[in-house]
Amino acid sequence: MPHATRDGRSWQPEFLVAIDAKKCIGCGRCFKVCGRAVMVLKGLNDEGEFVALDDDEDEEIEKKIMVMNDDGACIGCGACARVCPTNCQTHAAQAPVLSAAGAD
């Protein structure tokens, strides 16, 4: 499916497909520029498991990182990649998966 800017120039969206937990520093810059809730901040415990960020469980959290939340909501604008200081995201020019919701 060809994509174009508003004035007709060709454009290829690059969708967020992964976040490298080893590189992510949990700064939240990507979250702030994304208005579509594609990613969310989570805690990572010393066993390498993701945990929700609650005030009661701060002692269990080794580090905070961004994780995929709703990858289907990504429009491929690349704003998150431009603000990431560690280049921890992987983007790909793939066609979005269309949902069958509402189909008869």
Foldseek 3Di string as FASTA:
>chain_A
DWDADPVGHTDFFWAWDWFAPVQFQQPCPLVVVDPQPQKDKFFAFPVRDTHHDDPVCPVRGPGIGIGGDRSLSTPRPCPSCVPGPRNRIHIHRDDRDDDCPPPD
